[in-house]
């Protein structure tokens, strides 16, 4: 499963890079592997989450003492 997710990410990056490069719609990279559409469920859980920075909070607390 991890292999398929990693390969899917690589293909998605190639597609995104080809769209950003300013090429025409006909030149955008298209996936050629048969399983690409079948693995669309793998991208739903791979969104990044926001995190909080604890360094600034502890620095501020230490300077107030």
PDB file of N, CA and C in Angstrom:
ATOM      1  N   UNK A   1       0.825  -1.182   0.000  1.00  0.00           N
ATOM      2  CA  UNK A   1       0.000   0.000   0.000  1.00  0.00           C
ATOM      3  C   UNK A   1       0.877   1.257   0.000  1.00  0.00           C
ATOM      4  N   UNK A   2       1.942   1.226   0.770  1.00  0.00           N
ATOM      5  CA  UNK A   2       2.839   2.376   0.819  1.00  0.00           C
ATOM      6  C   UNK A   2       3.495   2.606  -0.539  1.00  0.00           C
ATOM      7  N   UNK A   3       3.850   1.544  -1.213  1.00  0.00           N
ATOM      8  CA  UNK A   3       4.451   1.667  -2.535  1.00  0.00           C
ATOM      9  C   UNK A   3       3.510   2.377  -3.495  1.00  0.00           C
ATOM     10  N   UNK A   4       2.248   1.968  -3.504  1.00  0.00           N
ATOM     11  CA  UNK A   4       1.281   2.590  -4.402  1.00  0.00           C
ATOM     12  C   UNK A   4       1.075   4.068  -4.058  1.00  0.00           C
ATOM     13  N   UNK A   5       1.019   4.380  -2.765  1.00  0.00           N
ATOM     14  CA  UNK A   5       0.848   5.768  -2.347  1.00  0.00           C
ATOM     15  C   UNK A   5       2.040   6.613  -2.795  1.00  0.00           C
ATOM     16  N   UNK A   6       3.239   6.090  -2.629  1.00  0.00           N
ATOM     17  CA  UNK A   6       4.437   6.826  -3.039  1.00  0.00           C
ATOM     18  C   UNK A   6       4.472   7.028  -4.551  1.00  0.00           C
ATOM     19  N   UNK A   7       4.116   6.001  -5.292  1.00  0.00           N
ATOM     20  CA  UNK A   7       4.094   6.121  -6.751  1.00  0.00           C
ATOM     21  C   UNK A   7       3.020   7.109  -7.198  1.00  0.00           C
ATOM     22  N   UNK A   8       1.878   7.071  -6.540  1.00  0.00           N
ATOM     23  CA  UNK A   8       0.796   8.008  -6.861  1.00  0.00           C
ATOM     24  C   UNK A   8       1.251   9.450  -6.620  1.00  0.00           C
ATOM     25  N   UNK A   9       1.948   9.678  -5.501  1.00  0.00           N
ATOM     26  CA  UNK A   9       2.456  11.028  -5.199  1.00  0.00           C
ATOM     27  C   UNK A   9       3.445  11.496  -6.260  1.00  0.00           C
ATOM     28  N   UNK A  10       4.310  10.592  -6.726  1.00  0.00           N
ATOM     29  CA  UNK A  10       5.276  10.946  -7.764  1.00  0.00           C
ATOM     30  C   UNK A  10       4.572  11.343  -9.059  1.00  0.00           C
ATOM     31  N   UNK A  11       3.558  10.580  -9.426  1.00  0.00           N
ATOM     32  CA  UNK A  11       2.810  10.885 -10.649  1.00  0.00           C
ATOM     33  C   UNK A  11       2.061  12.211 -10.487  1.00  0.00           C
ATOM     34  N   UNK A  12       1.435  12.410  -9.323  1.00  0.00           N
ATOM     35  CA  UNK A  12       0.720  13.665  -9.079  1.00  0.00           C
ATOM     36  C   UNK A  12       1.659  14.863  -9.142  1.00  0.00           C
ATOM     37  N   UNK A  13       2.884  14.700  -8.631  1.00  0.00           N
ATOM     38  CA  UNK A  13       3.859  15.787  -8.683  1.00  0.00           C
ATOM     39  C   UNK A  13       4.267  16.082 -10.122  1.00  0.00           C
ATOM     40  N   UNK A  14       4.464  15.046 -10.920  1.00  0.00           N
ATOM     41  CA  UNK A  14       4.804  15.252 -12.333  1.00  0.00           C
ATOM     42  C   UNK A  14       3.693  16.000 -13.057  1.00  0.00           C
ATOM     43  N   UNK A  15       2.451  15.646 -12.755  1.00  0.00           N
ATOM     44  CA  UNK A  15       1.312  16.316 -13.379  1.00  0.00           C
ATOM     45  C   UNK A  15       1.264  17.781 -12.949  1.00  0.00           C
ATOM     46  N   UNK A  16       1.406  18.021 -11.656  1.00  0.00           N
ATOM     47  CA  UNK A  16       1.364  19.396 -11.146  1.00  0.00           C
ATOM     48  C   UNK A  16       2.505  20.231 -11.716  1.00  0.00           C
ATOM     49  N   UNK A  17       3.699  19.655 -11.793  1.00  0.00           N
ATOM     50  CA  UNK A  17       4.849  20.376 -12.344  1.00  0.00           C
ATOM     51  C   UNK A  17       4.643  20.710 -13.815  1.00  0.00           C
ATOM     52  N   UNK A  18       4.027  19.793 -14.548  1.00  0.00           N
ATOM     53  CA  UNK A  18       3.812  20.058 -15.968  1.00  0.00           C
ATOM     54  C   UNK A  18       2.755  21.145 -16.166  1.00  0.00           C
ATOM     55  N   UNK A  19       1.799  21.249 -15.252  1.00  0.00           N
ATOM     56  CA  UNK A  19       0.801  22.317 -15.334  1.00  0.00           C
ATOM     57  C   UNK A  19       1.410  23.676 -14.997  1.00  0.00           C
ATOM     58  N   UNK A  20       2.360  23.694 -14.059  1.00  0.00           N
ATOM     59  CA  UNK A  20       2.994  24.939 -13.640  1.00  0.00           C
ATOM     60  C   UNK A  20       4.002  25.454 -14.659  1.00  0.00           C
ATOM     61  N   UNK A  21       4.509  24.590 -15.494  1.00  0.00           N
ATOM     62  CA  UNK A  21       5.599  24.976 -16.384  1.00  0.00           C
ATOM     63  C   UNK A  21       5.147  25.885 -17.518  1.00  0.00           C
ATOM     64  N   UNK A  22       3.854  26.123 -17.648  1.00  0.00           N
ATOM     65  CA  UNK A  22       3.364  26.999 -18.694  1.00  0.00           C
ATOM     66  C   UNK A  22       3.147  26.314 -20.025  1.00  0.00           C
ATOM     67  N   UNK A  23       3.150  25.009 -20.037  1.00  0.00           N
ATOM     68  CA  UNK A  23       2.908  24.287 -21.279  1.00  0.00           C
ATOM     69  C   UNK A  23       1.428  24.340 -21.611  1.00  0.00           C
ATOM     70  N   UNK A  24       1.097  24.068 -22.829  1.00  0.00           N
ATOM     71  CA  UNK A  24      -0.298  24.055 -23.256  1.00  0.00           C
ATOM     72  C   UNK A  24      -1.044  22.876 -22.667  1.00  0.00           C
ATOM     73  N   UNK A  25      -2.357  22.919 -22.775  1.00  0.00           N
ATOM     74  CA  UNK A  25      -3.193  21.855 -22.206  1.00  0.00           C
ATOM     75  C   UNK A  25      -2.899  20.504 -22.850  1.00  0.00           C
ATOM     76  N   UNK A  26      -2.468  20.518 -24.103  1.00  0.00           N
ATOM     77  CA  UNK A  26      -2.163  19.257 -24.784  1.00  0.00           C
ATOM     78  C   UNK A  26      -0.870  18.623 -24.291  1.00  0.00           C
ATOM     79  N   UNK A  27       0.002  19.425 -23.684  1.00  0.00           N
ATOM     80  CA  UNK A  27       1.309  18.930 -23.246  1.00  0.00           C
ATOM     81  C   UNK A  27       1.364  18.556 -21.774  1.00  0.00           C
ATOM     82  N   UNK A  28       0.261  18.666 -21.045  1.00  0.00           N
ATOM     83  CA  UNK A  28       0.236  18.301 -19.627  1.00  0.00           C
ATOM     84  C   UNK A  28       0.409  16.793 -19.525  1.00  0.00           C
ATOM     85  N   UNK A  29       1.252  16.372 -18.583  1.00  0.00           N
ATOM     86  CA  UNK A  29       1.540  14.947 -18.387  1.00  0.00           C
ATOM     87  C   UNK A  29       0.248  14.210 -18.026  1.00  0.00           C
ATOM     88  N   UNK A  30       0.021  13.084 -18.655  1.00  0.00           N
ATOM     89  CA  UNK A  30      -1.125  12.225 -18.365  1.00  0.00           C
ATOM     90  C   UNK A  30      -0.616  10.904 -17.790  1.00  0.00           C
ATOM     91  N   UNK A  31      -1.239  10.408 -16.730  1.00  0.00           N
ATOM     92  CA  UNK A  31      -0.792   9.128 -16.163  1.00  0.00           C
ATOM     93  C   UNK A  31      -1.006   7.992 -17.155  1.00  0.00           C
ATOM     94  N   UNK A  32      -0.046   7.097 -17.216  1.00  0.00           N
ATOM     95  CA  UNK A  32      -0.129   5.984 -18.157  1.00  0.00           C
ATOM     96  C   UNK A  32      -0.310   4.635 -17.478  1.00  0.00           C
ATOM     97  N   UNK A  33      -0.202   4.594 -16.161  1.00  0.00           N
ATOM     98  CA  UNK A  33      -0.365   3.317 -15.455  1.00  0.00           C
ATOM     99  C   UNK A  33      -1.852   3.002 -15.299  1.00  0.00           C
ATOM    100  N   UNK A  34      -2.202   1.744 -15.381  1.00  0.00           N
ATOM    101  CA  UNK A  34      -3.604   1.342 -15.358  1.00  0.00           C
ATOM    102  C   UNK A  34      -4.258   1.544 -13.994  1.00  0.00           C
ATOM    103  N   UNK A  35      -3.493   1.577 -12.936  1.00  0.00           N
ATOM    104  CA  UNK A  35      -4.038   1.639 -11.590  1.00  0.00           C
ATOM    105  C   UNK A  35      -4.175   3.058 -11.052  1.00  0.00           C
ATOM    106  N   UNK A  36      -3.832   4.058 -11.835  1.00  0.00           N
ATOM    107  CA  UNK A  36      -3.831   5.441 -11.336  1.00  0.00           C
ATOM    108  C   UNK A  36      -5.204   5.856 -10.798  1.00  0.00           C
ATOM    109  N   UNK A  37      -6.250   5.686 -11.570  1.00  0.00           N
ATOM    110  CA  UNK A  37      -7.587   6.078 -11.132  1.00  0.00           C
ATOM    111  C   UNK A  37      -8.069   5.233  -9.949  1.00  0.00           C
ATOM    112  N   UNK A  38      -7.635   4.001  -9.885  1.00  0.00           N
ATOM    113  CA  UNK A  38      -8.052   3.117  -8.790  1.00  0.00           C
ATOM    114  C   UNK A  38      -7.438   3.523  -7.450  1.00  0.00           C
ATOM    115  N   UNK A  39      -6.364   4.289  -7.481  1.00  0.00           N
ATOM    116  CA  UNK A  39      -5.684   4.678  -6.242  1.00  0.00           C
ATOM    117  C   UNK A  39      -6.035   6.089  -5.795  1.00  0.00           C
ATOM    118  N   UNK A  40      -7.098   6.659  -6.314  1.00  0.00           N
ATOM    119  CA  UNK A  40      -7.476   8.021  -5.924  1.00  0.00           C
ATOM    120  C   UNK A  40      -7.807   8.113  -4.431  1.00  0.00           C
ATOM    121  N   UNK A  41      -8.241   7.020  -3.825  1.00  0.00           N
ATOM    122  CA  UNK A  41      -8.544   7.031  -2.392  1.00  0.00           C
ATOM    123  C   UNK A  41      -7.301   7.261  -1.534  1.00  0.00           C
ATOM    124  N   UNK A  42      -6.120   7.014  -2.064  1.00  0.00           N
ATOM    125  CA  UNK A  42      -4.892   7.192  -1.290  1.00  0.00           C
ATOM    126  C   UNK A  42      -4.547   8.659  -1.074  1.00  0.00           C
ATOM    127  N   UNK A  43      -5.028   9.537  -1.905  1.00  0.00           N
ATOM    128  CA  UNK A  43      -4.676  10.948  -1.780  1.00  0.00           C
ATOM    129  C   UNK A  43      -5.563  11.688  -0.788  1.00  0.00           C
ATOM    130  N   UNK A  44      -6.652  11.118  -0.396  1.00  0.00           N
ATOM    131  CA  UNK A  44      -7.575  11.792   0.520  1.00  0.00           C
ATOM    132  C   UNK A  44      -7.005  11.922   1.926  1.00  0.00           C
ATOM    133  N   UNK A  45      -6.198  10.974   2.368  1.00  0.00           N
ATOM    134  CA  UNK A  45      -5.635  11.010   3.712  1.00  0.00           C
ATOM    135  C   UNK A  45      -4.269  11.664   3.768  1.00  0.00           C
ATOM    136  N   UNK A  46      -3.749  12.073   2.649  1.00  0.00           N
ATOM    137  CA  UNK A  46      -2.385  12.590   2.652  1.00  0.00           C
ATOM    138  C   UNK A  46      -2.315  14.115   2.690  1.00  0.00           C
ATOM    139  N   UNK A  47      -3.371  14.764   3.163  1.00  0.00           N
ATOM    140  CA  UNK A  47      -3.323  16.219   3.282  1.00  0.00           C
ATOM    141  C   UNK A  47      -2.509  16.591   4.507  1.00  0.00           C
ATOM    142  N   UNK A  48      -1.786  17.667   4.406  1.00  0.00           N
ATOM    143  CA  UNK A  48      -0.964  18.087   5.529  1.00  0.00           C
ATOM    144  C   UNK A  48      -1.819  18.832   6.547  1.00  0.00           C
ATOM    145  N   UNK A  49      -1.388  18.782   7.774  1.00  0.00           N
ATOM    146  CA  UNK A  49      -2.101  19.475   8.838  1.00  0.00           C
ATOM    147  C   UNK A  49      -1.254  20.627   9.341  1.00  0.00           C
ATOM    148  N   UNK A  50      -1.901  21.592   9.926  1.00  0.00           N
ATOM    149  CA  UNK A  50      -1.157  22.715  10.482  1.00  0.00           C
ATOM    150  C   UNK A  50      -0.679  22.348  11.875  1.00  0.00           C
ATOM    151  N   UNK A  51       0.454  22.878  12.241  1.00  0.00           N
ATOM    152  CA  UNK A  51       1.013  22.611  13.556  1.00  0.00           C
ATOM    153  C   UNK A  51       1.285  23.921  14.274  1.00  0.00           C
ATOM    154  N   UNK A  52       1.374  23.836  15.558  1.00  0.00           N
ATOM    155  CA  UNK A  52       1.666  25.020  16.370  1.00  0.00           C
ATOM    156  C   UNK A  52       3.145  25.034  16.717  1.00  0.00           C
ATOM    157  N   UNK A  53       3.701  26.209  16.770  1.00  0.00           N
ATOM    158  CA  UNK A  53       5.103  26.375  17.124  1.00  0.00           C
ATOM    159  C   UNK A  53       5.203  26.621  18.624  1.00  0.00           C
ATOM    160  N   UNK A  54       5.799  25.698  19.350  1.00  0.00           N
ATOM    161  CA  UNK A  54       5.917  25.817  20.801  1.00  0.00           C
ATOM    162  C   UNK A  54       7.122  26.632  21.228  1.00  0.00           C
ATOM    163  N   UNK A  55       8.058  26.865  20.335  1.00  0.00           N
ATOM    164  CA  UNK A  55       9.267  27.589  20.713  1.00  0.00           C
ATOM    165  C   UNK A  55       8.969  29.032  21.109  1.00  0.00           C
ATOM    166  N   UNK A  56       8.136  29.703  20.365  1.00  0.00           N
ATOM    167  CA  UNK A  56       7.819  31.091  20.686  1.00  0.00           C
ATOM    168  C   UNK A  56       7.073  31.211  22.006  1.00  0.00           C
ATOM    169  N   UNK A  57       6.216  30.274  22.316  1.00  0.00           N
ATOM    170  CA  UNK A  57       5.453  30.313  23.562  1.00  0.00           C
ATOM    171  C   UNK A  57       6.397  30.132  24.743  1.00  0.00           C
ATOM    172  N   UNK A  58       7.278  29.165  24.716  1.00  0.00           N
ATOM    173  CA  UNK A  58       8.172  28.924  25.841  1.00  0.00           C
ATOM    174  C   UNK A  58       9.183  30.052  25.970  1.00  0.00           C
ATOM    175  N   UNK A  59       9.617  30.621  24.842  1.00  0.00           N
ATOM    176  CA  UNK A  59      10.548  31.755  24.913  1.00  0.00           C
ATOM    177  C   UNK A  59       9.874  32.944  25.586  1.00  0.00           C
ATOM    178  N   UNK A  60       8.651  33.201  25.245  1.00  0.00           N
ATOM    179  CA  UNK A  60       7.915  34.324  25.839  1.00  0.00           C
ATOM    180  C   UNK A  60       7.703  34.085  27.323  1.00  0.00           C
ATOM    181  N   UNK A  61       7.388  32.881  27.717  1.00  0.00           N
ATOM    182  CA  UNK A  61       7.191  32.579  29.137  1.00  0.00           C
ATOM    183  C   UNK A  61       8.481  32.737  29.919  1.00  0.00           C
ATOM    184  N   UNK A  62       9.597  32.339  29.349  1.00  0.00           N
ATOM    185  CA  UNK A  62      10.873  32.461  30.048  1.00  0.00           C
ATOM    186  C   UNK A  62      11.308  33.913  30.178  1.00  0.00           C
ATOM    187  N   UNK A  63      10.991  34.759  29.263  1.00  0.00           N
ATOM    188  CA  UNK A  63      11.399  36.156  29.346  1.00  0.00           C
ATOM    189  C   UNK A  63      10.521  36.946  30.302  1.00  0.00           C
ATOM    190  N   UNK A  64       9.330  36.441  30.619  1.00  0.00           N
ATOM    191  CA  UNK A  64       8.442  37.141  31.541  1.00  0.00           C
ATOM    192  C   UNK A  64       8.801  36.882  32.993  1.00  0.00           C
ATOM    193  N   UNK A  65       9.567  35.871  33.286  1.00  0.00           N
ATOM    194  CA  UNK A  65       9.914  35.513  34.678  1.00  0.00           C
ATOM    195  C   UNK A  65      10.896  36.483  35.257  1.00  0.00           C
TER     196      UNK A  65
END
